[in-house]
PDB file of N, CA and C in Angstrom:
ATOM      1  N   MET A   1      87.059  36.472 111.893  1.00  0.00           N
ATOM      2  CA  MET A   1      86.990  37.838 112.350  1.00  0.00           C
ATOM      3  C   MET A   1      87.353  37.856 113.841  1.00  0.00           C
ATOM      4  N   ASN A   2      88.236  38.756 114.222  1.00  0.00           N
ATOM      5  CA  ASN A   2      88.621  38.846 115.632  1.00  0.00           C
ATOM      6  C   ASN A   2      87.722  39.849 116.372  1.00  0.00           C
ATOM      7  N   ALA A   3      87.971  40.016 117.664  1.00  0.00           N
ATOM      8  CA  ALA A   3      87.116  40.863 118.498  1.00  0.00           C
ATOM      9  C   ALA A   3      87.128  42.326 118.042  1.00  0.00           C
ATOM     10  N   VAL A   4      88.282  42.835 117.694  1.00  0.00           N
ATOM     11  CA  VAL A   4      88.372  44.231 117.264  1.00  0.00           C
ATOM     12  C   VAL A   4      87.610  44.435 115.957  1.00  0.00           C
ATOM     13  N   GLU A   5      87.771  43.538 115.027  1.00  0.00           N
ATOM     14  CA  GLU A   5      87.033  43.641 113.758  1.00  0.00           C
ATOM     15  C   GLU A   5      85.530  43.564 113.990  1.00  0.00           C
ATOM     16  N   THR A   6      85.133  42.731 114.917  1.00  0.00           N
ATOM     17  CA  THR A   6      83.713  42.597 115.238  1.00  0.00           C
ATOM     18  C   THR A   6      83.170  43.893 115.847  1.00  0.00           C
ATOM     19  N   LEU A   7      83.917  44.465 116.782  1.00  0.00           N
ATOM     20  CA  LEU A   7      83.492  45.729 117.379  1.00  0.00           C
ATOM     21  C   LEU A   7      83.425  46.847 116.343  1.00  0.00           C
ATOM     22  N   LEU A   8      84.375  46.891 115.450  1.00  0.00           N
ATOM     23  CA  LEU A   8      84.356  47.895 114.381  1.00  0.00           C
ATOM     24  C   LEU A   8      83.118  47.741 113.513  1.00  0.00           C
ATOM     25  N   LEU A   9      82.768  46.527 113.199  1.00  0.00           N
ATOM     26  CA  LEU A   9      81.577  46.257 112.401  1.00  0.00           C
ATOM     27  C   LEU A   9      80.316  46.704 113.148  1.00  0.00           C
ATOM     28  N   ILE A  10      80.247  46.425 114.434  1.00  0.00           N
ATOM     29  CA  ILE A  10      79.093  46.841 115.232  1.00  0.00           C
ATOM     30  C   ILE A  10      79.004  48.364 115.296  1.00  0.00           C
ATOM     31  N   ILE A  11      80.126  49.032 115.513  1.00  0.00           N
ATOM     32  CA  ILE A  11      80.146  50.503 115.567  1.00  0.00           C
ATOM     33  C   ILE A  11      79.636  51.086 114.265  1.00  0.00           C
ATOM     34  N   ARG A  12      80.185  50.630 113.141  1.00  0.00           N
ATOM     35  CA  ARG A  12      79.784  51.169 111.836  1.00  0.00           C
ATOM     36  C   ARG A  12      78.309  50.891 111.558  1.00  0.00           C
ATOM     37  N   ASN A  13      77.849  49.712 111.923  1.00  0.00           N
ATOM     38  CA  ASN A  13      76.453  49.359 111.700  1.00  0.00           C
ATOM     39  C   ASN A  13      75.534  50.264 112.524  1.00  0.00           C
ATOM     40  N   CYS A  14      75.868  50.471 113.783  1.00  0.00           N
ATOM     41  CA  CYS A  14      75.060  51.355 114.631  1.00  0.00           C
ATOM     42  C   CYS A  14      75.028  52.769 114.067  1.00  0.00           C
ATOM     43  N   GLU A  15      76.182  53.278 113.647  1.00  0.00           N
ATOM     44  CA  GLU A  15      76.241  54.634 113.092  1.00  0.00           C
ATOM     45  C   GLU A  15      75.421  54.746 111.801  1.00  0.00           C
ATOM     46  N   GLU A  16      75.521  53.757 110.936  1.00  0.00           N
ATOM     47  CA  GLU A  16      74.743  53.777 109.691  1.00  0.00           C
ATOM     48  C   GLU A  16      73.243  53.736 109.979  1.00  0.00           C
ATOM     49  N   CYS A  17      72.844  52.901 110.907  1.00  0.00           N
ATOM     50  CA  CYS A  17      71.422  52.800 111.252  1.00  0.00           C
ATOM     51  C   CYS A  17      70.917  54.101 111.868  1.00  0.00           C
ATOM     52  N   LEU A  18      71.719  54.721 112.723  1.00  0.00           N
ATOM     53  CA  LEU A  18      71.310  55.994 113.325  1.00  0.00           C
ATOM     54  C   LEU A  18      71.155  57.081 112.261  1.00  0.00           C
ATOM     55  N   LYS A  19      72.026  57.089 111.269  1.00  0.00           N
ATOM     56  CA  LYS A  19      71.904  58.081 110.189  1.00  0.00           C
ATOM     57  C   LYS A  19      70.616  57.864 109.401  1.00  0.00           C
ATOM     58  N   LYS A  20      70.266  56.618 109.151  1.00  0.00           N
ATOM     59  CA  LYS A  20      69.018  56.324 108.437  1.00  0.00           C
ATOM     60  C   LYS A  20      67.805  56.730 109.257  1.00  0.00           C
ATOM     61  N   LEU A  21      67.876  56.537 110.567  1.00  0.00           N
ATOM     62  CA  LEU A  21      66.751  56.861 111.438  1.00  0.00           C
ATOM     63  C   LEU A  21      66.513  58.367 111.543  1.00  0.00           C
ATOM     64  N   GLU A  22      67.553  59.183 111.275  1.00  0.00           N
ATOM     65  CA  GLU A  22      67.396  60.635 111.344  1.00  0.00           C
ATOM     66  C   GLU A  22      66.314  61.130 110.387  1.00  0.00           C
ATOM     67  N   ALA A  23      66.156  60.463 109.272  1.00  0.00           N
ATOM     68  CA  ALA A  23      65.200  60.888 108.250  1.00  0.00           C
ATOM     69  C   ALA A  23      63.789  60.352 108.514  1.00  0.00           C
ATOM     70  N   MET A  24      63.636  59.543 109.540  1.00  0.00           N
ATOM     71  CA  MET A  24      62.335  58.919 109.805  1.00  0.00           C
ATOM     72  C   MET A  24      61.547  59.728 110.832  1.00  0.00           C
ATOM     73  N   ASP A  25      60.264  59.408 110.914  1.00  0.00           N
ATOM     74  CA  ASP A  25      59.394  60.085 111.880  1.00  0.00           C
ATOM     75  C   ASP A  25      59.804  59.729 113.312  1.00  0.00           C
ATOM     76  N   ASP A  26      59.170  60.392 114.261  1.00  0.00           N
ATOM     77  CA  ASP A  26      59.500  60.148 115.659  1.00  0.00           C
ATOM     78  C   ASP A  26      58.472  59.238 116.328  1.00  0.00           C
ATOM     79  N   SER A  27      58.121  58.170 115.657  1.00  0.00           N
ATOM     80  CA  SER A  27      57.203  57.214 116.265  1.00  0.00           C
ATOM     81  C   SER A  27      57.904  56.549 117.448  1.00  0.00           C
ATOM     82  N   GLU A  28      57.132  55.933 118.325  1.00  0.00           N
ATOM     83  CA  GLU A  28      57.712  55.255 119.488  1.00  0.00           C
ATOM     84  C   GLU A  28      58.732  54.210 119.069  1.00  0.00           C
ATOM     85  N   PHE A  29      58.441  53.512 118.001  1.00  0.00           N
ATOM     86  CA  PHE A  29      59.334  52.462 117.514  1.00  0.00           C
ATOM     87  C   PHE A  29      60.679  53.045 117.084  1.00  0.00           C
ATOM     88  N   VAL A  30      60.643  54.121 116.313  1.00  0.00           N
ATOM     89  CA  VAL A  30      61.881  54.746 115.821  1.00  0.00           C
ATOM     90  C   VAL A  30      62.684  55.323 116.983  1.00  0.00           C
ATOM     91  N   VAL A  31      62.011  55.987 117.909  1.00  0.00           N
ATOM     92  CA  VAL A  31      62.691  56.549 119.074  1.00  0.00           C
ATOM     93  C   VAL A  31      63.337  55.432 119.888  1.00  0.00           C
ATOM     94  N   GLY A  32      62.648  54.323 120.055  1.00  0.00           N
ATOM     95  CA  GLY A  32      63.203  53.180 120.772  1.00  0.00           C
ATOM     96  C   GLY A  32      64.442  52.626 120.088  1.00  0.00           C
ATOM     97  N   LYS A  33      64.405  52.558 118.762  1.00  0.00           N
ATOM     98  CA  LYS A  33      65.574  52.072 118.019  1.00  0.00           C
ATOM     99  C   LYS A  33      66.757  53.019 118.208  1.00  0.00           C
ATOM    100  N   ARG A  34      66.499  54.337 118.147  1.00  0.00           N
ATOM    101  CA  ARG A  34      67.575  55.308 118.358  1.00  0.00           C
ATOM    102  C   ARG A  34      68.226  55.097 119.720  1.00  0.00           C
ATOM    103  N   HIS A  35      67.390  54.970 120.736  1.00  0.00           N
ATOM    104  CA  HIS A  35      67.918  54.770 122.088  1.00  0.00           C
ATOM    105  C   HIS A  35      68.781  53.511 122.147  1.00  0.00           C
ATOM    106  N   ALA A  36      68.337  52.456 121.532  1.00  0.00           N
ATOM    107  CA  ALA A  36      69.082  51.192 121.570  1.00  0.00           C
ATOM    108  C   ALA A  36      70.444  51.326 120.881  1.00  0.00           C
ATOM    109  N   TYR A  37      70.474  51.945 119.712  1.00  0.00           N
ATOM    110  CA  TYR A  37      71.749  52.105 119.003  1.00  0.00           C
ATOM    111  C   TYR A  37      72.699  53.026 119.764  1.00  0.00           C
ATOM    112  N   VAL A  38      72.171  54.112 120.306  1.00  0.00           N
ATOM    113  CA  VAL A  38      73.010  55.038 121.081  1.00  0.00           C
ATOM    114  C   VAL A  38      73.562  54.330 122.308  1.00  0.00           C
ATOM    115  N   GLU A  39      72.728  53.567 122.977  1.00  0.00           N
ATOM    116  CA  GLU A  39      73.187  52.837 124.163  1.00  0.00           C
ATOM    117  C   GLU A  39      74.286  51.839 123.798  1.00  0.00           C
ATOM    118  N   CYS A  40      74.144  51.164 122.683  1.00  0.00           N
ATOM    119  CA  CYS A  40      75.188  50.227 122.242  1.00  0.00           C
ATOM    120  C   CYS A  40      76.512  50.952 122.028  1.00  0.00           C
ATOM    121  N   LEU A  41      76.454  52.096 121.357  1.00  0.00           N
ATOM    122  CA  LEU A  41      77.687  52.855 121.123  1.00  0.00           C
ATOM    123  C   LEU A  41      78.293  53.346 122.433  1.00  0.00           C
ATOM    124  N   GLU A  42      77.447  53.774 123.368  1.00  0.00           N
ATOM    125  CA  GLU A  42      77.962  54.246 124.654  1.00  0.00           C
ATOM    126  C   GLU A  42      78.617  53.115 125.441  1.00  0.00           C
ATOM    127  N   ILE A  43      78.083  51.938 125.354  1.00  0.00           N
ATOM    128  CA  ILE A  43      78.692  50.786 126.029  1.00  0.00           C
ATOM    129  C   ILE A  43      80.053  50.476 125.402  1.00  0.00           C
ATOM    130  N   ILE A  44      80.096  50.461 124.086  1.00  0.00           N
ATOM    131  CA  ILE A  44      81.369  50.178 123.398  1.00  0.00           C
ATOM    132  C   ILE A  44      82.392  51.270 123.700  1.00  0.00           C
ATOM    133  N   GLN A  45      81.915  52.496 123.912  1.00  0.00           N
ATOM    134  CA  GLN A  45      82.826  53.608 124.187  1.00  0.00           C
ATOM    135  C   GLN A  45      83.592  53.394 125.506  1.00  0.00           C
ATOM    136  N   ASN A  46      83.113  52.522 126.358  1.00  0.00           N
ATOM    137  CA  ASN A  46      83.834  52.201 127.602  1.00  0.00           C
ATOM    138  C   ASN A  46      85.084  51.358 127.345  1.00  0.00           C
ATOM    139  N   TRP A  47      85.165  50.763 126.180  1.00  0.00           N
ATOM    140  CA  TRP A  47      86.331  49.971 125.778  1.00  0.00           C
ATOM    141  C   TRP A  47      87.555  50.886 125.750  1.00  0.00           C
ATOM    142  N   ALA A  48      88.626  50.469 126.312  1.00  0.00           N
ATOM    143  CA  ALA A  48      89.839  51.283 126.415  1.00  0.00           C
ATOM    144  C   ALA A  48      90.357  51.772 125.067  1.00  0.00           C
ATOM    145  N   GLU A  49      90.116  51.024 124.008  1.00  0.00           N
ATOM    146  CA  GLU A  49      90.641  51.396 122.693  1.00  0.00           C
ATOM    147  C   GLU A  49      89.594  52.028 121.772  1.00  0.00           C
ATOM    148  N   ALA A  50      88.454  52.403 122.325  1.00  0.00           N
ATOM    149  CA  ALA A  50      87.378  52.960 121.503  1.00  0.00           C
ATOM    150  C   ALA A  50      87.817  54.213 120.742  1.00  0.00           C
ATOM    151  N   LYS A  51      88.583  55.071 121.397  1.00  0.00           N
ATOM    152  CA  LYS A  51      89.028  56.302 120.734  1.00  0.00           C
ATOM    153  C   LYS A  51      89.939  56.005 119.549  1.00  0.00           C
ATOM    154  N   LEU A  52      90.695  54.950 119.654  1.00  0.00           N
ATOM    155  CA  LEU A  52      91.625  54.596 118.577  1.00  0.00           C
ATOM    156  C   LEU A  52      90.912  54.132 117.312  1.00  0.00           C
ATOM    157  N   VAL A  53      89.654  53.711 117.452  1.00  0.00           N
ATOM    158  CA  VAL A  53      88.915  53.219 116.290  1.00  0.00           C
ATOM    159  C   VAL A  53      87.808  54.198 115.853  1.00  0.00           C
ATOM    160  N   GLY A  54      87.901  55.446 116.337  1.00  0.00           N
ATOM    161  CA  GLY A  54      86.994  56.478 115.855  1.00  0.00           C
ATOM    162  C   GLY A  54      85.792  56.771 116.722  1.00  0.00           C
ATOM    163  N   LEU A  55      85.673  56.131 117.847  1.00  0.00           N
ATOM    164  CA  LEU A  55      84.537  56.364 118.730  1.00  0.00           C
ATOM    165  C   LEU A  55      84.974  57.362 119.813  1.00  0.00           C
ATOM    166  N   ASP A  56      85.435  58.525 119.334  1.00  0.00           N
ATOM    167  CA  ASP A  56      86.006  59.540 120.225  1.00  0.00           C
ATOM    168  C   ASP A  56      85.173  60.819 120.233  1.00  0.00           C
ATOM    169  N   TYR A  57      83.875  60.688 120.105  1.00  0.00           N
ATOM    170  CA  TYR A  57      82.991  61.845 120.067  1.00  0.00           C
ATOM    171  C   TYR A  57      81.871  61.675 121.088  1.00  0.00           C
ATOM    172  N   ASP A  58      81.177  62.761 121.368  1.00  0.00           N
ATOM    173  CA  ASP A  58      80.031  62.711 122.285  1.00  0.00           C
ATOM    174  C   ASP A  58      78.855  62.131 121.503  1.00  0.00           C
ATOM    175  N   ILE A  59      78.508  60.919 121.799  1.00  0.00           N
ATOM    176  CA  ILE A  59      77.503  60.183 121.027  1.00  0.00           C
ATOM    177  C   ILE A  59      76.144  60.869 121.077  1.00  0.00           C
ATOM    178  N   GLU A  60      75.734  61.312 122.268  1.00  0.00           N
ATOM    179  CA  GLU A  60      74.415  61.935 122.379  1.00  0.00           C
ATOM    180  C   GLU A  60      74.355  63.316 121.738  1.00  0.00           C
ATOM    181  N   LYS A  61      75.485  63.961 121.541  1.00  0.00           N
ATOM    182  CA  LYS A  61      75.491  65.232 120.795  1.00  0.00           C
ATOM    183  C   LYS A  61      75.351  64.954 119.295  1.00  0.00           C
ATOM    184  N   ARG A  62      76.014  63.926 118.816  1.00  0.00           N
ATOM    185  CA  ARG A  62      75.933  63.586 117.402  1.00  0.00           C
ATOM    186  C   ARG A  62      74.573  62.980 117.047  1.00  0.00           C
ATOM    187  N   TYR A  63      74.052  62.170 117.952  1.00  0.00           N
ATOM    188  CA  TYR A  63      72.774  61.495 117.737  1.00  0.00           C
ATOM    189  C   TYR A  63      71.828  61.825 118.889  1.00  0.00           C
ATOM    190  N   PRO A  64      71.291  63.052 118.906  1.00  0.00           N
ATOM    191  CA  PRO A  64      70.427  63.460 120.029  1.00  0.00           C
ATOM    192  C   PRO A  64      69.189  62.572 120.152  1.00  0.00           C
ATOM    193  N   LEU A  65      68.802  62.335 121.387  1.00  0.00           N
ATOM    194  CA  LEU A  65      67.665  61.468 121.655  1.00  0.00           C
ATOM    195  C   LEU A  65      66.361  62.235 121.885  1.00  0.00           C
ATOM    196  N   THR A  66      66.419  63.537 121.835  1.00  0.00           N
ATOM    197  CA  THR A  66      65.191  64.328 122.025  1.00  0.00           C
ATOM    198  C   THR A  66      64.766  65.018 120.772  1.00  0.00           C
TER     199      THR A  66
END
């Protein structure tokens, strides 16, 4: 697996986990996990080619932290 494939896998995994967390309660643990996944996506979004692989949206609007 090359770097781009690895980043794609991480992006999809973070997005899938965030979708699952939407249905869960707002315990400190769940909120912490949301923050961690959102932060990971925001870091990857700094990659010059992030938009080309589908990370072209406002992450905090799609996955609000409040």
